[in-house]
Amino acid sequence: MLITTTNTVEGKKVVKYIGLVTGEAILGANIFKDLFAGIRDIVGGRSEAYEKELRNAKNIAVSEMIDEARLQGANAVIGVDLDYETVGQGGSMLMVSASGTAVVLSE
């Protein structure tokens, strides 16, 4: 499955637009407690543990989006956008969402 943030793919033609596909992942409040407990891994203002969890959440969201596209018969998702939002009371959770347009590209 081809995934791209662009709306076109060089050398390929969109032969069918299937529609919007999405995927989401939410990191709960416990992840923040765990991360702050392990604050020692911050080097140069960056937290490896936090970055790892964000990367994991992004991968889950993209994977869900791909699964939805595949179920609808797509062979690509174009115009992909990733969003990161805080949700819940006091922003206690972090949501990562991936969205794009499922399409069928020419071979």
PDB file of N, CA and C in Angstrom:
ATOM      1  N   MET A   1       0.859  -1.178   0.000  1.00  0.00           N
ATOM      2  CA  MET A   1       0.000   0.000   0.000  1.00  0.00           C
ATOM      3  C   MET A   1       0.899   1.233   0.000  1.00  0.00           C
ATOM      4  N   LEU A   2       0.704   2.074  -0.987  1.00  0.00           N
ATOM      5  CA  LEU A   2       1.464   3.322  -1.082  1.00  0.00           C
ATOM      6  C   LEU A   2       0.777   4.385  -0.232  1.00  0.00           C
ATOM      7  N   ILE A   3       1.555   5.059   0.602  1.00  0.00           N
ATOM      8  CA  ILE A   3       1.051   6.131   1.460  1.00  0.00           C
ATOM      9  C   ILE A   3       1.875   7.376   1.152  1.00  0.00           C
ATOM     10  N   THR A   4       1.184   8.483   0.858  1.00  0.00           N
ATOM     11  CA  THR A   4       1.905   9.710   0.542  1.00  0.00           C
ATOM     12  C   THR A   4       1.138  10.941   1.021  1.00  0.00           C
ATOM     13  N   THR A   5       1.889  11.967   1.377  1.00  0.00           N
ATOM     14  CA  THR A   5       1.262  13.223   1.790  1.00  0.00           C
ATOM     15  C   THR A   5       0.883  14.075   0.583  1.00  0.00           C
ATOM     16  N   THR A   6       1.359  13.711  -0.581  1.00  0.00           N
ATOM     17  CA  THR A   6       1.041  14.470  -1.796  1.00  0.00           C
ATOM     18  C   THR A   6      -0.294  14.005  -2.376  1.00  0.00           C
ATOM     19  N   ASN A   7      -0.857  14.808  -3.260  1.00  0.00           N
ATOM     20  CA  ASN A   7      -2.136  14.457  -3.888  1.00  0.00           C
ATOM     21  C   ASN A   7      -1.970  13.741  -5.215  1.00  0.00           C
ATOM     22  N   THR A   8      -0.730  13.638  -5.673  1.00  0.00           N
ATOM     23  CA  THR A   8      -0.440  12.932  -6.912  1.00  0.00           C
ATOM     24  C   THR A   8       0.769  12.032  -6.684  1.00  0.00           C
ATOM     25  N   VAL A   9       0.899  11.037  -7.550  1.00  0.00           N
ATOM     26  CA  VAL A   9       2.047  10.133  -7.504  1.00  0.00           C
ATOM     27  C   VAL A   9       2.650  10.122  -8.899  1.00  0.00           C
ATOM     28  N   GLU A  10       3.890  10.524  -8.991  1.00  0.00           N
ATOM     29  CA  GLU A  10       4.555  10.617 -10.282  1.00  0.00           C
ATOM     30  C   GLU A  10       4.505   9.278 -11.007  1.00  0.00           C
ATOM     31  N   GLY A  11       4.086   9.328 -12.276  1.00  0.00           N
ATOM     32  CA  GLY A  11       4.029   8.127 -13.097  1.00  0.00           C
ATOM     33  C   GLY A  11       2.786   7.275 -12.880  1.00  0.00           C
ATOM     34  N   LYS A  12       1.905   7.692 -11.992  1.00  0.00           N
ATOM     35  CA  LYS A  12       0.666   6.943 -11.709  1.00  0.00           C
ATOM     36  C   LYS A  12      -0.527   7.861 -11.916  1.00  0.00           C
ATOM     37  N   LYS A  13      -1.637   7.249 -12.279  1.00  0.00           N
ATOM     38  CA  LYS A  13      -2.877   7.992 -12.456  1.00  0.00           C
ATOM     39  C   LYS A  13      -3.907   7.436 -11.483  1.00  0.00           C
ATOM     40  N   VAL A  14      -4.653   8.325 -10.852  1.00  0.00           N
ATOM     41  CA  VAL A  14      -5.743   7.877  -9.985  1.00  0.00           C
ATOM     42  C   VAL A  14      -6.869   7.407 -10.899  1.00  0.00           C
ATOM     43  N   VAL A  15      -7.193   6.117 -10.828  1.00  0.00           N
ATOM     44  CA  VAL A  15      -8.267   5.576 -11.657  1.00  0.00           C
ATOM     45  C   VAL A  15      -9.589   5.498 -10.892  1.00  0.00           C
ATOM     46  N   LYS A  16      -9.508   5.587  -9.547  1.00  0.00           N
ATOM     47  CA  LYS A  16     -10.735   5.578  -8.743  1.00  0.00           C
ATOM     48  C   LYS A  16     -10.473   6.247  -7.403  1.00  0.00           C
ATOM     49  N   TYR A  17     -11.321   7.208  -7.055  1.00  0.00           N
ATOM     50  CA  TYR A  17     -11.292   7.821  -5.730  1.00  0.00           C
ATOM     51  C   TYR A  17     -12.292   7.061  -4.868  1.00  0.00           C
ATOM     52  N   ILE A  18     -11.817   6.484  -3.779  1.00  0.00           N
ATOM     53  CA  ILE A  18     -12.705   5.721  -2.905  1.00  0.00           C
ATOM     54  C   ILE A  18     -13.278   6.614  -1.810  1.00  0.00           C
ATOM     55  N   GLY A  19     -12.432   7.420  -1.191  1.00  0.00           N
ATOM     56  CA  GLY A  19     -12.924   8.345  -0.180  1.00  0.00           C
ATOM     57  C   GLY A  19     -12.017   8.461   1.019  1.00  0.00           C
ATOM     58  N   LEU A  20     -12.497   9.190   2.003  1.00  0.00           N
ATOM     59  CA  LEU A  20     -11.742   9.485   3.218  1.00  0.00           C
ATOM     60  C   LEU A  20     -11.543   8.225   4.059  1.00  0.00           C
ATOM     61  N   VAL A  21     -10.323   8.048   4.533  1.00  0.00           N
ATOM     62  CA  VAL A  21     -10.012   6.978   5.487  1.00  0.00           C
ATOM     63  C   VAL A  21      -9.248   7.600   6.649  1.00  0.00           C
ATOM     64  N   THR A  22      -9.466   7.054   7.839  1.00  0.00           N
ATOM     65  CA  THR A  22      -8.830   7.607   9.031  1.00  0.00           C
ATOM     66  C   THR A  22      -8.358   6.517   9.964  1.00  0.00           C
ATOM     67  N   GLY A  23      -7.500   6.899  10.878  1.00  0.00           N
ATOM     68  CA  GLY A  23      -7.055   6.033  11.956  1.00  0.00           C
ATOM     69  C   GLY A  23      -6.699   6.904  13.143  1.00  0.00           C
ATOM     70  N   GLU A  24      -6.950   6.392  14.339  1.00  0.00           N
ATOM     71  CA  GLU A  24      -6.669   7.175  15.543  1.00  0.00           C
ATOM     72  C   GLU A  24      -5.989   6.312  16.600  1.00  0.00           C
ATOM     73  N   ALA A  25      -5.215   6.973  17.434  1.00  0.00           N
ATOM     74  CA  ALA A  25      -4.613   6.324  18.603  1.00  0.00           C
ATOM     75  C   ALA A  25      -4.586   7.356  19.720  1.00  0.00           C
ATOM     76  N   ILE A  26      -4.918   6.912  20.925  1.00  0.00           N
ATOM     77  CA  ILE A  26      -4.938   7.818  22.072  1.00  0.00           C
ATOM     78  C   ILE A  26      -4.012   7.293  23.153  1.00  0.00           C
ATOM     79  N   LEU A  27      -3.112   8.166  23.620  1.00  0.00           N
ATOM     80  CA  LEU A  27      -2.239   7.847  24.742  1.00  0.00           C
ATOM     81  C   LEU A  27      -2.919   8.340  26.005  1.00  0.00           C
ATOM     82  N   GLY A  28      -3.120   7.451  26.958  1.00  0.00           N
ATOM     83  CA  GLY A  28      -3.809   7.804  28.194  1.00  0.00           C
ATOM     84  C   GLY A  28      -2.924   8.533  29.179  1.00  0.00           C
ATOM     85  N   ALA A  29      -3.537   8.966  30.275  1.00  0.00           N
ATOM     86  CA  ALA A  29      -2.848   9.748  31.303  1.00  0.00           C
ATOM     87  C   ALA A  29      -1.683   8.985  31.916  1.00  0.00           C
ATOM     88  N   ASN A  30      -1.774   7.674  32.019  1.00  0.00           N
ATOM     89  CA  ASN A  30      -0.709   6.900  32.641  1.00  0.00           C
ATOM     90  C   ASN A  30       0.614   7.031  31.903  1.00  0.00           C
ATOM     91  N   ILE A  31       0.550   7.219  30.598  1.00  0.00           N
ATOM     92  CA  ILE A  31       1.793   7.353  29.840  1.00  0.00           C
ATOM     93  C   ILE A  31       2.556   8.588  30.308  1.00  0.00           C
ATOM     94  N   PHE A  32       1.830   9.667  30.637  1.00  0.00           N
ATOM     95  CA  PHE A  32       2.503  10.872  31.091  1.00  0.00           C
ATOM     96  C   PHE A  32       3.155  10.660  32.455  1.00  0.00           C
ATOM     97  N   LYS A  33       2.461   9.959  33.354  1.00  0.00           N
ATOM     98  CA  LYS A  33       3.043   9.660  34.666  1.00  0.00           C
ATOM     99  C   LYS A  33       4.305   8.828  34.503  1.00  0.00           C
ATOM    100  N   ASP A  34       4.231   7.816  33.642  1.00  0.00           N
ATOM    101  CA  ASP A  34       5.393   6.964  33.407  1.00  0.00           C
ATOM    102  C   ASP A  34       6.549   7.753  32.813  1.00  0.00           C
ATOM    103  N   LEU A  35       6.220   8.645  31.895  1.00  0.00           N
ATOM    104  CA  LEU A  35       7.269   9.427  31.247  1.00  0.00           C
ATOM    105  C   LEU A  35       7.937  10.380  32.220  1.00  0.00           C
ATOM    106  N   PHE A  36       7.139  11.036  33.051  1.00  0.00           N
ATOM    107  CA  PHE A  36       7.728  11.971  34.004  1.00  0.00           C
ATOM    108  C   PHE A  36       8.510  11.233  35.082  1.00  0.00           C
ATOM    109  N   ALA A  37       8.102  10.006  35.393  1.00  0.00           N
ATOM    110  CA  ALA A  37       8.862   9.202  36.348  1.00  0.00           C
ATOM    111  C   ALA A  37      10.227   8.846  35.756  1.00  0.00           C
ATOM    112  N   GLY A  38      10.271   8.725  34.425  1.00  0.00           N
ATOM    113  CA  GLY A  38      11.526   8.389  33.758  1.00  0.00           C
ATOM    114  C   GLY A  38      12.170   9.590  33.105  1.00  0.00           C
ATOM    115  N   ILE A  39      12.015  10.741  33.690  1.00  0.00           N
ATOM    116  CA  ILE A  39      12.514  11.998  33.122  1.00  0.00           C
ATOM    117  C   ILE A  39      14.034  11.978  32.917  1.00  0.00           C
ATOM    118  N   ARG A  40      14.696  11.029  33.546  1.00  0.00           N
ATOM    119  CA  ARG A  40      16.156  10.948  33.430  1.00  0.00           C
ATOM    120  C   ARG A  40      16.630  10.753  31.999  1.00  0.00           C
ATOM    121  N   ASP A  41      15.767  10.230  31.130  1.00  0.00           N
ATOM    122  CA  ASP A  41      16.235   9.975  29.763  1.00  0.00           C
ATOM    123  C   ASP A  41      16.221  11.217  28.881  1.00  0.00           C
ATOM    124  N   ILE A  42      15.896  12.379  29.454  1.00  0.00           N
ATOM    125  CA  ILE A  42      15.904  13.614  28.667  1.00  0.00           C
ATOM    126  C   ILE A  42      17.346  14.088  28.488  1.00  0.00           C
ATOM    127  N   VAL A  43      17.716  14.221  27.223  1.00  0.00           N
ATOM    128  CA  VAL A  43      19.056  14.682  26.875  1.00  0.00           C
ATOM    129  C   VAL A  43      18.886  15.781  25.833  1.00  0.00           C
ATOM    130  N   GLY A  44      19.431  16.934  26.124  1.00  0.00           N
ATOM    131  CA  GLY A  44      19.337  18.037  25.173  1.00  0.00           C
ATOM    132  C   GLY A  44      17.907  18.496  24.940  1.00  0.00           C
ATOM    133  N   GLY A  45      17.047  18.375  25.947  1.00  0.00           N
ATOM    134  CA  GLY A  45      15.665  18.824  25.823  1.00  0.00           C
ATOM    135  C   GLY A  45      14.746  17.838  25.137  1.00  0.00           C
ATOM    136  N   ARG A  46      15.220  16.622  24.855  1.00  0.00           N
ATOM    137  CA  ARG A  46      14.400  15.613  24.188  1.00  0.00           C
ATOM    138  C   ARG A  46      14.244  14.392  25.075  1.00  0.00           C
ATOM    139  N   SER A  47      13.065  13.800  25.059  1.00  0.00           N
ATOM    140  CA  SER A  47      12.796  12.600  25.830  1.00  0.00           C
ATOM    141  C   SER A  47      12.631  11.419  24.874  1.00  0.00           C
ATOM    142  N   GLU A  48      13.557  10.490  24.922  1.00  0.00           N
ATOM    143  CA  GLU A  48      13.487   9.315  24.055  1.00  0.00           C
ATOM    144  C   GLU A  48      12.227   8.501  24.328  1.00  0.00           C
ATOM    145  N   ALA A  49      11.857   8.356  25.582  1.00  0.00           N
ATOM    146  CA  ALA A  49      10.668   7.564  25.928  1.00  0.00           C
ATOM    147  C   ALA A  49       9.410   8.208  25.354  1.00  0.00           C
ATOM    148  N   TYR A  50       9.286   9.517  25.492  1.00  0.00           N
ATOM    149  CA  TYR A  50       8.122  10.235  24.987  1.00  0.00           C
ATOM    150  C   TYR A  50       8.068  10.148  23.467  1.00  0.00           C
ATOM    151  N   GLU A  51       9.207  10.348  22.819  1.00  0.00           N
ATOM    152  CA  GLU A  51       9.262  10.261  21.362  1.00  0.00           C
ATOM    153  C   GLU A  51       8.902   8.858  20.890  1.00  0.00           C
ATOM    154  N   LYS A  52       9.338   7.855  21.615  1.00  0.00           N
ATOM    155  CA  LYS A  52       9.018   6.469  21.258  1.00  0.00           C
ATOM    156  C   LYS A  52       7.516   6.228  21.339  1.00  0.00           C
ATOM    157  N   GLU A  53       6.867   6.727  22.387  1.00  0.00           N
ATOM    158  CA  GLU A  53       5.420   6.550  22.541  1.00  0.00           C
ATOM    159  C   GLU A  53       4.656   7.317  21.470  1.00  0.00           C
ATOM    160  N   LEU A  54       5.098   8.521  21.135  1.00  0.00           N
ATOM    161  CA  LEU A  54       4.449   9.280  20.067  1.00  0.00           C
ATOM    162  C   LEU A  54       4.591   8.564  18.730  1.00  0.00           C
ATOM    163  N   ARG A  55       5.767   8.033  18.459  1.00  0.00           N
ATOM    164  CA  ARG A  55       6.013   7.286  17.230  1.00  0.00           C
ATOM    165  C   ARG A  55       5.110   6.054  17.173  1.00  0.00           C
ATOM    166  N   ASN A  56       4.970   5.366  18.313  1.00  0.00           N
ATOM    167  CA  ASN A  56       4.108   4.193  18.385  1.00  0.00           C
ATOM    168  C   ASN A  56       2.654   4.576  18.103  1.00  0.00           C
ATOM    169  N   ALA A  57       2.192   5.667  18.698  1.00  0.00           N
ATOM    170  CA  ALA A  57       0.825   6.123  18.464  1.00  0.00           C
ATOM    171  C   ALA A  57       0.622   6.497  16.991  1.00  0.00           C
ATOM    172  N   LYS A  58       1.603   7.151  16.389  1.00  0.00           N
ATOM    173  CA  LYS A  58       1.514   7.508  14.970  1.00  0.00           C
ATOM    174  C   LYS A  58       1.427   6.253  14.120  1.00  0.00           C
ATOM    175  N   ASN A  59       2.254   5.247  14.444  1.00  0.00           N
ATOM    176  CA  ASN A  59       2.242   4.003  13.677  1.00  0.00           C
ATOM    177  C   ASN A  59       0.902   3.287  13.780  1.00  0.00           C
ATOM    178  N   ILE A  60       0.290   3.309  14.962  1.00  0.00           N
ATOM    179  CA  ILE A  60      -1.027   2.695  15.146  1.00  0.00           C
ATOM    180  C   ILE A  60      -2.067   3.415  14.298  1.00  0.00           C
ATOM    181  N   ALA A  61      -2.069   4.746  14.351  1.00  0.00           N
ATOM    182  CA  ALA A  61      -3.043   5.533  13.594  1.00  0.00           C
ATOM    183  C   ALA A  61      -2.891   5.292  12.092  1.00  0.00           C
ATOM    184  N   VAL A  62      -1.663   5.289  11.589  1.00  0.00           N
ATOM    185  CA  VAL A  62      -1.425   5.064  10.161  1.00  0.00           C
ATOM    186  C   VAL A  62      -1.829   3.641   9.779  1.00  0.00           C
ATOM    187  N   SER A  63      -1.510   2.682  10.617  1.00  0.00           N
ATOM    188  CA  SER A  63      -1.870   1.290  10.351  1.00  0.00           C
ATOM    189  C   SER A  63      -3.386   1.112  10.263  1.00  0.00           C
ATOM    190  N   GLU A  64      -4.129   1.743  11.168  1.00  0.00           N
ATOM    191  CA  GLU A  64      -5.597   1.675  11.120  1.00  0.00           C
ATOM    192  C   GLU A  64      -6.130   2.309   9.835  1.00  0.00           C
ATOM    193  N   MET A  65      -5.526   3.426   9.419  1.00  0.00           N
ATOM    194  CA  MET A  65      -5.941   4.088   8.190  1.00  0.00           C
ATOM    195  C   MET A  65      -5.695   3.166   6.991  1.00  0.00           C
ATOM    196  N   ILE A  66      -4.541   2.525   6.960  1.00  0.00           N
ATOM    197  CA  ILE A  66      -4.204   1.601   5.872  1.00  0.00           C
ATOM    198  C   ILE A  66      -5.177   0.431   5.843  1.00  0.00           C
ATOM    199  N   ASP A  67      -5.489  -0.137   7.010  1.00  0.00           N
ATOM    200  CA  ASP A  67      -6.431  -1.260   7.076  1.00  0.00           C
ATOM    201  C   ASP A  67      -7.791  -0.867   6.507  1.00  0.00           C
ATOM    202  N   GLU A  68      -8.269   0.331   6.859  1.00  0.00           N
ATOM    203  CA  GLU A  68      -9.556   0.808   6.354  1.00  0.00           C
ATOM    204  C   GLU A  68      -9.508   0.964   4.832  1.00  0.00           C
ATOM    205  N   ALA A  69      -8.410   1.519   4.317  1.00  0.00           N
ATOM    206  CA  ALA A  69      -8.267   1.700   2.869  1.00  0.00           C
ATOM    207  C   ALA A  69      -8.239   0.350   2.157  1.00  0.00           C
ATOM    208  N   ARG A  70      -7.497  -0.586   2.705  1.00  0.00           N
ATOM    209  CA  ARG A  70      -7.381  -1.919   2.105  1.00  0.00           C
ATOM    210  C   ARG A  70      -8.757  -2.610   2.050  1.00  0.00           C
ATOM    211  N   LEU A  71      -9.532  -2.490   3.133  1.00  0.00           N
ATOM    212  CA  LEU A  71     -10.866  -3.098   3.172  1.00  0.00           C
ATOM    213  C   LEU A  71     -11.801  -2.522   2.112  1.00  0.00           C
ATOM    214  N   GLN A  72     -11.532  -1.290   1.711  1.00  0.00           N
ATOM    215  CA  GLN A  72     -12.372  -0.642   0.701  1.00  0.00           C
ATOM    216  C   GLN A  72     -11.829  -0.824  -0.714  1.00  0.00           C
ATOM    217  N   GLY A  73     -10.749  -1.601  -0.867  1.00  0.00           N
ATOM    218  CA  GLY A  73     -10.225  -1.911  -2.188  1.00  0.00           C
ATOM    219  C   GLY A  73      -9.181  -0.960  -2.729  1.00  0.00           C
ATOM    220  N   ALA A  74      -8.628  -0.110  -1.890  1.00  0.00           N
ATOM    221  CA  ALA A  74      -7.624   0.857  -2.335  1.00  0.00           C
ATOM    222  C   ALA A  74      -6.250   0.199  -2.431  1.00  0.00           C
ATOM    223  N   ASN A  75      -5.395   0.764  -3.271  1.00  0.00           N
ATOM    224  CA  ASN A  75      -3.991   0.335  -3.303  1.00  0.00           C
ATOM    225  C   ASN A  75      -3.060   1.485  -2.909  1.00  0.00           C
ATOM    226  N   ALA A  76      -3.666   2.632  -2.511  1.00  0.00           N
ATOM    227  CA  ALA A  76      -2.873   3.779  -2.063  1.00  0.00           C
ATOM    228  C   ALA A  76      -3.749   4.717  -1.235  1.00  0.00           C
ATOM    229  N   VAL A  77      -3.075   5.513  -0.412  1.00  0.00           N
ATOM    230  CA  VAL A  77      -3.744   6.598   0.311  1.00  0.00           C
ATOM    231  C   VAL A  77      -2.924   7.850   0.029  1.00  0.00           C
ATOM    232  N   ILE A  78      -3.595   8.858  -0.535  1.00  0.00           N
ATOM    233  CA  ILE A  78      -2.907  10.097  -0.900  1.00  0.00           C
ATOM    234  C   ILE A  78      -3.386  11.240  -0.004  1.00  0.00           C
ATOM    235  N   GLY A  79      -2.619  12.322   0.014  1.00  0.00           N
ATOM    236  CA  GLY A  79      -2.993  13.498   0.791  1.00  0.00           C
ATOM    237  C   GLY A  79      -3.052  13.226   2.286  1.00  0.00           C
ATOM    238  N   VAL A  80      -2.173  12.365   2.770  1.00  0.00           N
ATOM    239  CA  VAL A  80      -2.199  11.971   4.179  1.00  0.00           C
ATOM    240  C   VAL A  80      -1.793  13.137   5.076  1.00  0.00           C
ATOM    241  N   ASP A  81      -2.551  13.294   6.166  1.00  0.00           N
ATOM    242  CA  ASP A  81      -2.296  14.335   7.153  1.00  0.00           C
ATOM    243  C   ASP A  81      -2.256  13.684   8.528  1.00  0.00           C
ATOM    244  N   LEU A  82      -1.281  14.059   9.334  1.00  0.00           N
ATOM    245  CA  LEU A  82      -1.183  13.592  10.714  1.00  0.00           C
ATOM    246  C   LEU A  82      -1.464  14.760  11.641  1.00  0.00           C
ATOM    247  N   ASP A  83      -2.308  14.518  12.638  1.00  0.00           N
ATOM    248  CA  ASP A  83      -2.632  15.553  13.617  1.00  0.00           C
ATOM    249  C   ASP A  83      -2.387  15.023  15.018  1.00  0.00           C
ATOM    250  N   TYR A  84      -1.897  15.896  15.877  1.00  0.00           N
ATOM    251  CA  TYR A  84      -1.651  15.573  17.277  1.00  0.00           C
ATOM    252  C   TYR A  84      -2.462  16.551  18.112  1.00  0.00           C
ATOM    253  N   GLU A  85      -3.341  16.027  18.984  1.00  0.00           N
ATOM    254  CA  GLU A  85      -4.220  16.869  19.796  1.00  0.00           C
ATOM    255  C   GLU A  85      -4.246  16.358  21.228  1.00  0.00           C
ATOM    256  N   THR A  86      -4.401  17.268  22.181  1.00  0.00           N
ATOM    257  CA  THR A  86      -4.648  16.847  23.556  1.00  0.00           C
ATOM    258  C   THR A  86      -6.155  16.786  23.747  1.00  0.00           C
ATOM    259  N   VAL A  87      -6.606  15.759  24.449  1.00  0.00           N
ATOM    260  CA  VAL A  87      -8.032  15.563  24.709  1.00  0.00           C
ATOM    261  C   VAL A  87      -8.230  15.174  26.164  1.00  0.00           C
ATOM    262  N   GLY A  88      -9.464  15.190  26.591  1.00  0.00           N
ATOM    263  CA  GLY A  88      -9.759  14.809  27.968  1.00  0.00           C
ATOM    264  C   GLY A  88      -9.675  16.000  28.891  1.00  0.00           C
ATOM    265  N   GLN A  89     -10.116  15.782  30.118  1.00  0.00           N
ATOM    266  CA  GLN A  89     -10.125  16.843  31.113  1.00  0.00           C
ATOM    267  C   GLN A  89      -8.697  17.302  31.401  1.00  0.00           C
ATOM    268  N   GLY A  90      -8.432  18.568  31.182  1.00  0.00           N
ATOM    269  CA  GLY A  90      -7.107  19.119  31.425  1.00  0.00           C
ATOM    270  C   GLY A  90      -6.063  18.650  30.426  1.00  0.00           C
ATOM    271  N   GLY A  91      -6.507  18.139  29.282  1.00  0.00           N
ATOM    272  CA  GLY A  91      -5.562  17.665  28.268  1.00  0.00           C
ATOM    273  C   GLY A  91      -4.749  16.477  28.740  1.00  0.00           C
ATOM    274  N   SER A  92      -5.401  15.574  29.476  1.00  0.00           N
ATOM    275  CA  SER A  92      -4.694  14.451  30.088  1.00  0.00           C
ATOM    276  C   SER A  92      -4.357  13.329  29.114  1.00  0.00           C
ATOM    277  N   MET A  93      -4.889  13.407  27.888  1.00  0.00           N
ATOM    278  CA  MET A  93      -4.599  12.379  26.897  1.00  0.00           C
ATOM    279  C   MET A  93      -4.135  13.037  25.601  1.00  0.00           C
ATOM    280  N   LEU A  94      -3.373  12.288  24.843  1.00  0.00           N
ATOM    281  CA  LEU A  94      -2.895  12.767  23.555  1.00  0.00           C
ATOM    282  C   LEU A  94      -3.462  11.875  22.469  1.00  0.00           C
ATOM    283  N   MET A  95      -4.087  12.497  21.463  1.00  0.00           N
ATOM    284  CA  MET A  95      -4.638  11.741  20.345  1.00  0.00           C
ATOM    285  C   MET A  95      -3.813  12.020  19.097  1.00  0.00           C
ATOM    286  N   VAL A  96      -3.472  10.962  18.394  1.00  0.00           N
ATOM    287  CA  VAL A  96      -2.812  11.071  17.103  1.00  0.00           C
ATOM    288  C   VAL A  96      -3.801  10.544  16.073  1.00  0.00           C
ATOM    289  N   SER A  97      -4.083  11.350  15.047  1.00  0.00           N
ATOM    290  CA  SER A  97      -4.988  10.887  14.001  1.00  0.00           C
ATOM    291  C   SER A  97      -4.302  11.006  12.644  1.00  0.00           C
ATOM    292  N   ALA A  98      -4.610  10.041  11.791  1.00  0.00           N
ATOM    293  CA  ALA A  98      -4.105  10.024  10.421  1.00  0.00           C
ATOM    294  C   ALA A  98      -5.308   9.987   9.503  1.00  0.00           C
ATOM    295  N   SER A  99      -5.292  10.806   8.468  1.00  0.00           N
ATOM    296  CA  SER A  99      -6.393  10.802   7.506  1.00  0.00           C
ATOM    297  C   SER A  99      -5.836  11.026   6.114  1.00  0.00           C
ATOM    298  N   GLY A 100      -6.548  10.507   5.143  1.00  0.00           N
ATOM    299  CA  GLY A 100      -6.139  10.662   3.762  1.00  0.00           C
ATOM    300  C   GLY A 100      -7.250  10.186   2.844  1.00  0.00           C
ATOM    301  N   THR A 101      -6.985  10.222   1.560  1.00  0.00           N
ATOM    302  CA  THR A 101      -7.952   9.775   0.561  1.00  0.00           C
ATOM    303  C   THR A 101      -7.517   8.435  -0.009  1.00  0.00           C
ATOM    304  N   ALA A 102      -8.379   7.440   0.165  1.00  0.00           N
ATOM    305  CA  ALA A 102      -8.120   6.110  -0.393  1.00  0.00           C
ATOM    306  C   ALA A 102      -8.397   6.151  -1.887  1.00  0.00           C
ATOM    307  N   VAL A 103      -7.464   5.621  -2.656  1.00  0.00           N
ATOM    308  CA  VAL A 103      -7.602   5.624  -4.120  1.00  0.00           C
ATOM    309  C   VAL A 103      -7.097   4.313  -4.691  1.00  0.00           C
ATOM    310  N   VAL A 104      -7.430   4.117  -5.958  1.00  0.00           N
ATOM    311  CA  VAL A 104      -6.824   3.050  -6.736  1.00  0.00           C
ATOM    312  C   VAL A 104      -5.961   3.737  -7.783  1.00  0.00           C
ATOM    313  N   LEU A 105      -4.678   3.412  -7.776  1.00  0.00           N
ATOM    314  CA  LEU A 105      -3.731   3.973  -8.738  1.00  0.00           C
ATOM    315  C   LEU A 105      -3.528   3.002  -9.887  1.00  0.00           C
ATOM    316  N   SER A 106      -3.231   3.535 -11.068  1.00  0.00           N
ATOM    317  CA  SER A 106      -2.906   2.693 -12.212  1.00  0.00           C
ATOM    318  C   SER A 106      -1.628   1.925 -11.941  1.00  0.00           C
ATOM    319  N   GLU A 107      -1.508   0.791 -12.573  1.00  0.00           N
ATOM    320  CA  GLU A 107      -0.305  -0.044 -12.387  1.00  0.00           C
ATOM    321  C   GLU A 107       0.875   0.505 -13.133  1.00  0.00           C
TER     322      GLU A 107
END
